[in-house]
């Protein structure tokens, strides 16, 4: 099973609502509203994380602040993969016969082997014997 995730910043202020009096109740209401909105789209609340984030301070300075994030997940919709195209087997190419080198016409005479010439030893070796 494969999931996709969505991370949103947690609310920083509470929401006013009828019957919600304290700051804590307003904050809880804001959090519940955000979670219910995402749940209506199929997102399941997974966890809240506090993560560091580097921000610019002034012209040249940087500072680290911590952000509260809400993590949601839902099952990825499996899209039907298109059916693979059938692989057509190609016929192997027809082998062309190799050209036969031109031969002398057969005659009734048998071929006479050519005599092998042997090298004569140098005269100096003949005289030494």
Protein backbone atom coordinates (compact mmCIF):
# COMPACT_ATOMS: atom_id res chain seq x y z
CA UNK A 1 0.00 0.00 0.00
CA UNK A 2 1.39 3.37 -0.96
CA UNK A 3 0.62 6.72 0.67
CA UNK A 4 0.88 10.36 -0.25
CA UNK A 5 1.53 12.94 2.46
CA UNK A 6 0.48 16.50 3.10
CA UNK A 7 2.14 18.80 5.62
CA UNK A 8 0.41 22.01 6.69
CA UNK A 9 1.36 24.58 9.31
CA UNK A 10 -0.53 24.22 12.55
CA UNK A 11 -2.79 27.14 13.39
CA UNK A 12 -1.11 29.84 15.46
CA UNK A 13 -4.29 31.57 16.60
CA UNK A 14 -7.57 30.32 17.89
CA UNK A 15 -10.90 30.67 16.09
CA UNK A 16 -13.86 32.34 17.70
CA UNK A 17 -16.98 30.24 17.88
CA UNK A 18 -20.20 30.22 19.81
CA UNK A 19 -19.69 28.71 23.27
CA UNK A 20 -15.86 28.72 22.98
CA UNK A 21 -14.57 31.04 25.70
CA UNK A 22 -10.93 30.43 26.63
CA UNK A 23 -7.82 30.86 24.46
CA UNK A 24 -7.07 27.13 24.77
CA UNK A 25 -10.58 26.20 23.62
CA UNK A 26 -10.32 28.59 20.66
CA UNK A 27 -6.97 27.11 19.67
CA UNK A 28 -8.36 23.55 19.94
CA UNK A 29 -11.33 24.63 17.81
CA UNK A 30 -8.99 26.05 15.14
CA UNK A 31 -7.01 22.81 15.13
CA UNK A 32 -10.13 20.63 14.91
CA UNK A 33 -11.51 22.77 12.08
CA UNK A 34 -8.28 22.37 10.07
CA UNK A 35 -8.18 18.61 10.68
CA UNK A 36 -11.84 18.13 9.75
CA UNK A 37 -11.43 20.15 6.55
CA UNK A 38 -8.60 17.90 5.40
CA UNK A 39 -10.39 14.74 6.56
CA UNK A 40 -13.30 15.65 4.28
CA UNK A 41 -10.83 15.37 1.36
CA UNK A 42 -9.67 11.92 2.49
CA UNK A 43 -6.60 12.96 4.48
CA UNK A 44 -5.90 11.07 7.70
CA UNK A 45 -4.16 12.92 10.53
CA UNK A 46 -0.83 11.25 11.27
CA UNK A 47 1.14 13.47 13.69
CA UNK A 48 2.31 16.95 14.63
CA UNK A 49 5.99 17.86 14.34
CA UNK A 50 8.01 20.83 15.51
CA UNK A 51 10.75 21.48 12.98
CA UNK A 52 13.55 24.07 12.83
CA UNK A 53 13.49 26.62 10.03
CA UNK A 54 16.23 29.12 9.22
CA UNK A 55 14.98 32.64 8.49
CA UNK A 56 16.67 35.90 7.59
CA UNK A 57 17.03 38.49 10.31
CA UNK A 58 17.90 41.98 9.17
CA UNK A 59 20.13 42.42 6.12
CA UNK A 60 22.81 39.82 6.74
CA UNK A 61 21.74 37.81 9.78
CA UNK A 62 19.93 34.50 10.06
CA UNK A 63 18.05 33.00 12.94
CA UNK A 64 16.42 29.65 13.61
CA UNK A 65 12.73 29.51 14.43
CA UNK A 66 10.62 26.43 15.12
CA UNK A 67 7.50 25.70 13.10
CA UNK A 68 4.65 23.44 14.22
CA UNK A 69 3.49 21.28 11.33
CA UNK A 70 0.58 18.87 10.97
CA UNK A 71 1.24 15.73 8.91
CA UNK A 72 -1.59 14.00 7.05
CA UNK A 73 -1.62 11.00 4.75
CA UNK A 74 -3.98 9.17 2.44
CA UNK A 75 -3.78 6.09 0.31
CA UNK A 76 -2.57 6.85 -3.18
CA UNK A 77 -5.17 6.23 -5.79
CA UNK A 78 -4.00 3.46 -8.03
CA UNK A 79 -4.50 4.46 -11.59
CA UNK A 80 -5.05 1.60 -13.93
CA UNK A 81 -1.93 1.19 -15.96
CA UNK A 82 -2.60 0.93 -19.66
CA UNK A 83 -2.49 -2.62 -20.90
CA UNK A 84 0.89 -3.41 -22.35
CA UNK A 85 0.95 -3.60 -26.10
CA UNK A 86 1.45 -7.12 -27.37
CA UNK A 87 4.93 -7.74 -28.62
CA UNK A 88 4.84 -8.95 -32.17
CA UNK A 89 7.53 -11.42 -32.96
CA UNK A 90 9.32 -10.45 -36.10
CA UNK A 91 10.10 -13.13 -38.59
CA UNK A 92 13.83 -13.74 -38.76
CA UNK A 93 15.24 -12.42 -41.99
CA UNK A 94 15.57 -14.99 -44.71
CA UNK A 95 19.22 -15.84 -45.16
CA UNK A 96 20.35 -15.11 -48.67
CA UNK A 97 22.59 -17.78 -50.14
CA UNK A 98 26.21 -16.74 -50.24
CA UNK A 99 27.54 -16.15 -53.73
CA UNK A 100 29.68 -19.04 -54.92
CA UNK A 101 33.00 -17.94 -56.40
CA UNK A 102 33.29 -18.57 -60.09
CA UNK A 103 34.98 -21.91 -60.73
CA UNK A 104 36.73 -23.08 -63.81
CA UNK A 105 34.58 -25.31 -65.85
CA UNK A 106 35.15 -28.95 -65.17
CA UNK A 107 37.12 -30.55 -67.89
CA UNK A 108 37.76 -34.17 -68.45
CA UNK A 109 41.41 -33.72 -67.59
CA UNK A 110 42.37 -34.13 -63.99
CA UNK A 111 44.06 -31.28 -62.32
CA UNK A 112 47.80 -31.77 -62.24
CA UNK A 113 49.41 -30.67 -59.03
CA UNK A 114 52.06 -28.04 -59.41
CA UNK A 115 55.48 -29.20 -58.32
CA UNK A 116 56.82 -27.73 -55.12
CA UNK A 117 60.03 -25.89 -55.62
CA UNK A 118 62.62 -26.43 -52.95
CA UNK A 119 65.27 -23.91 -52.23
CA UNK A 120 68.78 -24.90 -53.14
CA UNK A 121 71.29 -24.64 -50.32
CA UNK A 122 73.78 -21.83 -50.70
CA UNK A 123 76.95 -22.73 -52.58
CA UNK A 124 79.06 -22.31 -49.46
CA UNK A 125 77.18 -25.10 -47.70
CA UNK A 126 77.47 -27.44 -50.70
CA UNK A 127 81.22 -26.93 -50.92
CA UNK A 128 81.70 -27.64 -47.21
CA UNK A 129 80.27 -31.11 -47.51
